[in-house]
């Protein structure tokens, strides 16, 4: 069901990729307990990064690892800017739904690049690969994207589901109707499988706050 191409393994031998599938989720309505965790995380980030600049935070692990990756494509790591927004500018964590909030909370706390999908809007098998350049897909929000050579991307039978540089696709986006969620984590070189595992386990914990009856279907690493 999940595989990594030989090209990806050869190009990024020190990278890793994590997958978490949660079933029986309910992505409707508000969850007071999750809101409390979100508020606590906001305060924790403001305390942790008090007095630091975005540049100083970006020099820390794991932001530095992602920064090096993005720099080769002439881009900046967007999660760093989100941390700056919450921690330094004291803006609240915003998300369109509880499940997306869970993903954002994990990203902000751990700094690891994460994508969320509605599993029922995908079609296995799944493949982790490296772009040759020229591959196209429609990113979240409906923008047509063309992958640069050597960007990591994740696809199903129908096409690209996400890439590091351009994020998740539009067609598999999590919605209010999502009952099975697929979370993926791109670990760039110097980010360990152990860090990715801990990150996904925290996302699972947050999903259980939202939906105590939700069940883990899959947790694996490529």
Protein backbone atom coordinates (compact mmCIF):
# COMPACT_ATOMS: atom_id res chain seq x y z
CA UNK A 1 0.00 0.00 0.00
CA UNK A 2 2.93 2.35 0.75
CA UNK A 3 6.31 2.35 -0.99
CA UNK A 4 9.30 4.60 -1.67
CA UNK A 5 10.96 4.70 -5.07
CA UNK A 6 14.56 3.68 -5.56
CA UNK A 7 15.19 7.20 -6.87
CA UNK A 8 13.97 8.71 -3.61
CA UNK A 9 16.10 6.33 -1.55
CA UNK A 10 19.18 7.16 -3.60
CA UNK A 11 18.64 10.94 -3.60
CA UNK A 12 17.64 11.26 0.06
CA UNK A 13 19.22 8.32 1.93
CA UNK A 14 19.18 10.21 5.25
CA UNK A 15 15.56 11.35 5.01
CA UNK A 16 12.46 9.62 6.35
CA UNK A 17 8.72 9.76 5.78
CA UNK A 18 6.00 8.89 8.27
CA UNK A 19 2.37 7.85 7.78
CA UNK A 20 -0.50 7.80 10.29
CA UNK A 21 -4.03 6.69 9.45
CA UNK A 22 -6.82 7.37 11.95
CA UNK A 23 -10.31 5.94 11.45
CA UNK A 24 -13.61 6.77 13.11
CA UNK A 25 -12.95 10.50 13.36
CA UNK A 26 -15.60 13.20 13.57
CA UNK A 27 -14.54 16.51 12.08
CA UNK A 28 -17.68 18.47 12.90
CA UNK A 29 -18.36 20.86 15.74
CA UNK A 30 -16.10 22.29 18.42
CA UNK A 31 -14.15 20.38 21.06
CA UNK A 32 -13.58 22.37 24.28
CA UNK A 33 -10.80 20.03 25.44
CA UNK A 34 -8.92 20.51 22.15
CA UNK A 35 -9.42 24.28 22.39
CA UNK A 36 -7.84 24.18 25.85
CA UNK A 37 -4.84 22.29 24.46
CA UNK A 38 -4.56 24.80 21.63
CA UNK A 39 -4.59 27.74 24.05
CA UNK A 40 -1.96 26.03 26.22
CA UNK A 41 0.24 25.41 23.17
CA UNK A 42 0.05 29.05 22.15
CA UNK A 43 1.26 30.11 25.60
CA UNK A 44 3.95 27.43 25.61
CA UNK A 45 5.34 28.61 22.27
CA UNK A 46 5.39 32.22 23.43
CA UNK A 47 7.31 31.24 26.54
CA UNK A 48 9.71 28.96 24.66
CA UNK A 49 10.64 31.53 22.04
CA UNK A 50 10.40 34.70 24.14
CA UNK A 51 13.11 37.18 23.18
CA UNK A 52 14.17 35.25 20.06
CA UNK A 53 13.98 36.40 16.47
CA UNK A 54 12.67 34.36 13.55
CA UNK A 55 16.26 33.99 12.36
CA UNK A 56 17.34 32.58 15.73
CA UNK A 57 14.43 30.13 15.80
CA UNK A 58 15.24 29.13 12.23
CA UNK A 59 18.77 28.19 13.26
CA UNK A 60 17.43 25.64 15.75
CA UNK A 61 16.59 22.01 15.04
CA UNK A 62 14.46 20.96 13.14
CA UNK A 63 13.85 24.31 11.42
CA UNK A 64 17.46 24.46 10.22
CA UNK A 65 17.10 21.13 8.43
CA UNK A 66 13.98 22.23 6.59
CA UNK A 67 15.56 25.62 5.93
CA UNK A 68 18.46 23.98 4.10
CA UNK A 69 16.07 21.92 1.98
CA UNK A 70 13.86 24.87 1.07
CA UNK A 71 16.85 27.10 0.34
CA UNK A 72 17.97 24.80 -2.49
CA UNK A 73 14.65 25.62 -4.19
CA UNK A 74 14.81 29.34 -3.43
CA UNK A 75 12.03 29.04 -0.83
CA UNK A 76 11.55 29.54 2.91
CA UNK A 77 10.11 27.05 5.37
CA UNK A 78 6.54 28.22 5.93
CA UNK A 79 6.10 26.51 9.32
CA UNK A 80 8.80 28.81 10.69
CA UNK A 81 6.67 31.80 9.70
CA UNK A 82 3.65 30.20 11.38
CA UNK A 83 5.65 29.75 14.59
CA UNK A 84 6.71 33.38 14.35
CA UNK A 85 3.07 34.43 13.93
CA UNK A 86 1.91 32.55 17.04
CA UNK A 87 4.96 32.85 19.29
CA UNK A 88 6.36 36.28 18.46
CA UNK A 89 3.34 38.15 17.08
CA UNK A 90 0.92 36.47 19.52
CA UNK A 91 -1.67 35.59 16.91
CA UNK A 92 -3.99 32.65 17.63
CA UNK A 93 -3.70 29.31 15.89
CA UNK A 94 -6.31 29.34 13.13
CA UNK A 95 -7.67 26.31 11.30
CA UNK A 96 -10.75 25.57 9.19
CA UNK A 97 -11.67 22.40 11.14
CA UNK A 98 -10.73 20.45 14.29
CA UNK A 99 -8.74 17.78 12.41
CA UNK A 100 -6.72 20.43 10.59
CA UNK A 101 -6.18 22.14 13.95
CA UNK A 102 -4.73 18.88 15.27
CA UNK A 103 -2.26 18.82 12.38
CA UNK A 104 -1.31 22.50 12.79
CA UNK A 105 -0.79 22.04 16.52
CA UNK A 106 1.58 19.16 15.91
CA UNK A 107 3.50 21.15 13.28
CA UNK A 108 3.87 24.18 15.51
CA UNK A 109 4.93 22.21 18.58
CA UNK A 110 7.44 19.94 16.85
CA UNK A 111 8.37 21.89 13.73
CA UNK A 112 7.88 18.89 11.43
CA UNK A 113 6.27 19.34 8.01
CA UNK A 114 2.90 17.54 7.98
CA UNK A 115 0.11 17.07 5.45
CA UNK A 116 -3.42 15.87 6.10
CA UNK A 117 -5.73 14.08 3.66
CA UNK A 118 -9.17 12.48 3.62
CA UNK A 119 -8.24 8.83 3.07
CA UNK A 120 -11.55 8.15 1.33
CA UNK A 121 -10.66 10.76 -1.29
CA UNK A 122 -7.44 8.95 -2.22
CA UNK A 123 -6.80 5.76 -4.16
CA UNK A 124 -3.95 3.43 -3.10
CA UNK A 125 -1.28 2.35 -3.71
CA UNK A 126 0.82 5.27 -2.44
CA UNK A 127 4.32 6.18 -3.58
CA UNK A 128 6.99 8.46 -2.13
CA UNK A 129 9.18 9.74 -4.94
CA UNK A 130 11.53 12.49 -6.10
CA UNK A 131 10.47 14.82 -8.90
CA UNK A 132 12.16 14.76 -12.26
CA UNK A 133 10.72 18.23 -12.84
CA UNK A 134 7.58 19.10 -14.74
CA UNK A 135 5.12 16.95 -12.75
CA UNK A 136 1.93 18.93 -12.12
CA UNK A 137 -0.92 18.90 -9.63
CA UNK A 138 -3.54 21.22 -8.14
CA UNK A 139 -2.50 22.40 -4.70
CA UNK A 140 -4.74 23.32 -1.79
CA UNK A 141 -6.84 26.30 -2.82
CA UNK A 142 -6.96 25.32 -6.48
CA UNK A 143 -3.61 26.61 -7.78
CA UNK A 144 -1.91 24.59 -10.51
CA UNK A 145 1.67 23.69 -9.51
CA UNK A 146 4.66 22.32 -11.38
CA UNK A 147 7.24 20.48 -9.29
CA UNK A 148 10.88 21.50 -9.50
CA UNK A 149 13.47 18.75 -10.06
CA UNK A 150 14.43 16.81 -6.89
CA UNK A 151 11.51 17.93 -4.72
CA UNK A 152 10.07 15.08 -2.64
CA UNK A 153 6.47 14.22 -3.41
CA UNK A 154 3.82 11.70 -2.34
CA UNK A 155 1.25 10.31 -4.76
CA UNK A 156 -1.58 7.82 -5.15
CA UNK A 157 -2.99 6.08 -8.22
CA UNK A 158 -4.61 9.32 -9.39
CA UNK A 159 -1.67 11.68 -9.01
CA UNK A 160 0.31 13.85 -6.59
CA UNK A 161 -1.11 14.24 -3.08
CA UNK A 162 1.61 16.55 -1.75
CA UNK A 163 5.13 17.83 -2.21
CA UNK A 164 7.46 19.51 0.25
CA UNK A 165 7.68 22.76 -1.70
CA UNK A 166 4.00 23.13 -2.63
CA UNK A 167 2.18 21.29 0.14
CA UNK A 168 -0.98 19.15 -0.15
CA UNK A 169 -3.31 18.77 -3.10
CA UNK A 170 -6.83 20.12 -3.27
CA UNK A 171 -8.76 16.99 -4.23
CA UNK A 172 -7.93 14.97 -1.08
CA UNK A 173 -8.33 17.81 1.42
CA UNK A 174 -9.82 17.11 4.83
CA UNK A 175 -13.45 18.29 5.06
CA UNK A 176 -16.27 18.24 7.59
CA UNK A 177 -17.28 14.86 6.15
CA UNK A 178 -13.88 13.22 6.74
CA UNK A 179 -14.12 10.06 8.83
CA UNK A 180 -10.72 8.53 7.93
CA UNK A 181 -7.68 10.79 8.07
CA UNK A 182 -4.27 10.23 6.50
CA UNK A 183 -1.42 12.25 8.03
CA UNK A 184 2.03 12.26 6.43
CA UNK A 185 5.30 13.76 7.63
CA UNK A 186 8.30 14.68 5.49
CA UNK A 187 11.49 14.29 7.49
CA UNK A 188 14.33 16.05 5.68
CA UNK A 189 17.94 14.88 6.24
CA UNK A 190 19.06 15.07 9.92
CA UNK A 191 15.50 14.52 11.20
CA UNK A 192 15.31 11.04 12.69
CA UNK A 193 12.61 8.42 12.36
CA UNK A 194 12.26 8.61 16.14
CA UNK A 195 11.34 12.29 15.93
CA UNK A 196 8.82 11.58 13.19
CA UNK A 197 7.31 8.74 15.24
CA UNK A 198 6.98 10.91 18.35
CA UNK A 199 5.38 13.65 16.28
CA UNK A 200 2.79 11.30 14.75
CA UNK A 201 2.05 9.79 18.16
CA UNK A 202 1.32 13.29 19.46
CA UNK A 203 -1.04 13.87 16.54
CA UNK A 204 -2.74 10.59 17.41
CA UNK A 205 -3.08 11.76 21.01
CA UNK A 206 -4.70 15.01 19.85
CA UNK A 207 -7.08 13.09 17.56
CA UNK A 208 -8.15 11.05 20.60
CA UNK A 209 -8.90 14.26 22.49
CA UNK A 210 -11.14 15.25 19.60
CA UNK A 211 -12.55 11.73 19.08
CA UNK A 212 -11.89 9.31 21.98
CA UNK A 213 -13.26 6.40 19.93
CA UNK A 214 -10.98 7.01 16.94
CA UNK A 215 -8.64 4.12 16.11
CA UNK A 216 -5.17 3.97 14.63
CA UNK A 217 -5.21 1.96 11.41
CA UNK A 218 -1.62 2.45 10.34
CA UNK A 219 1.64 3.92 11.63
CA UNK A 220 4.65 3.32 9.40
CA UNK A 221 7.85 4.84 8.11
CA UNK A 222 9.58 4.85 4.72
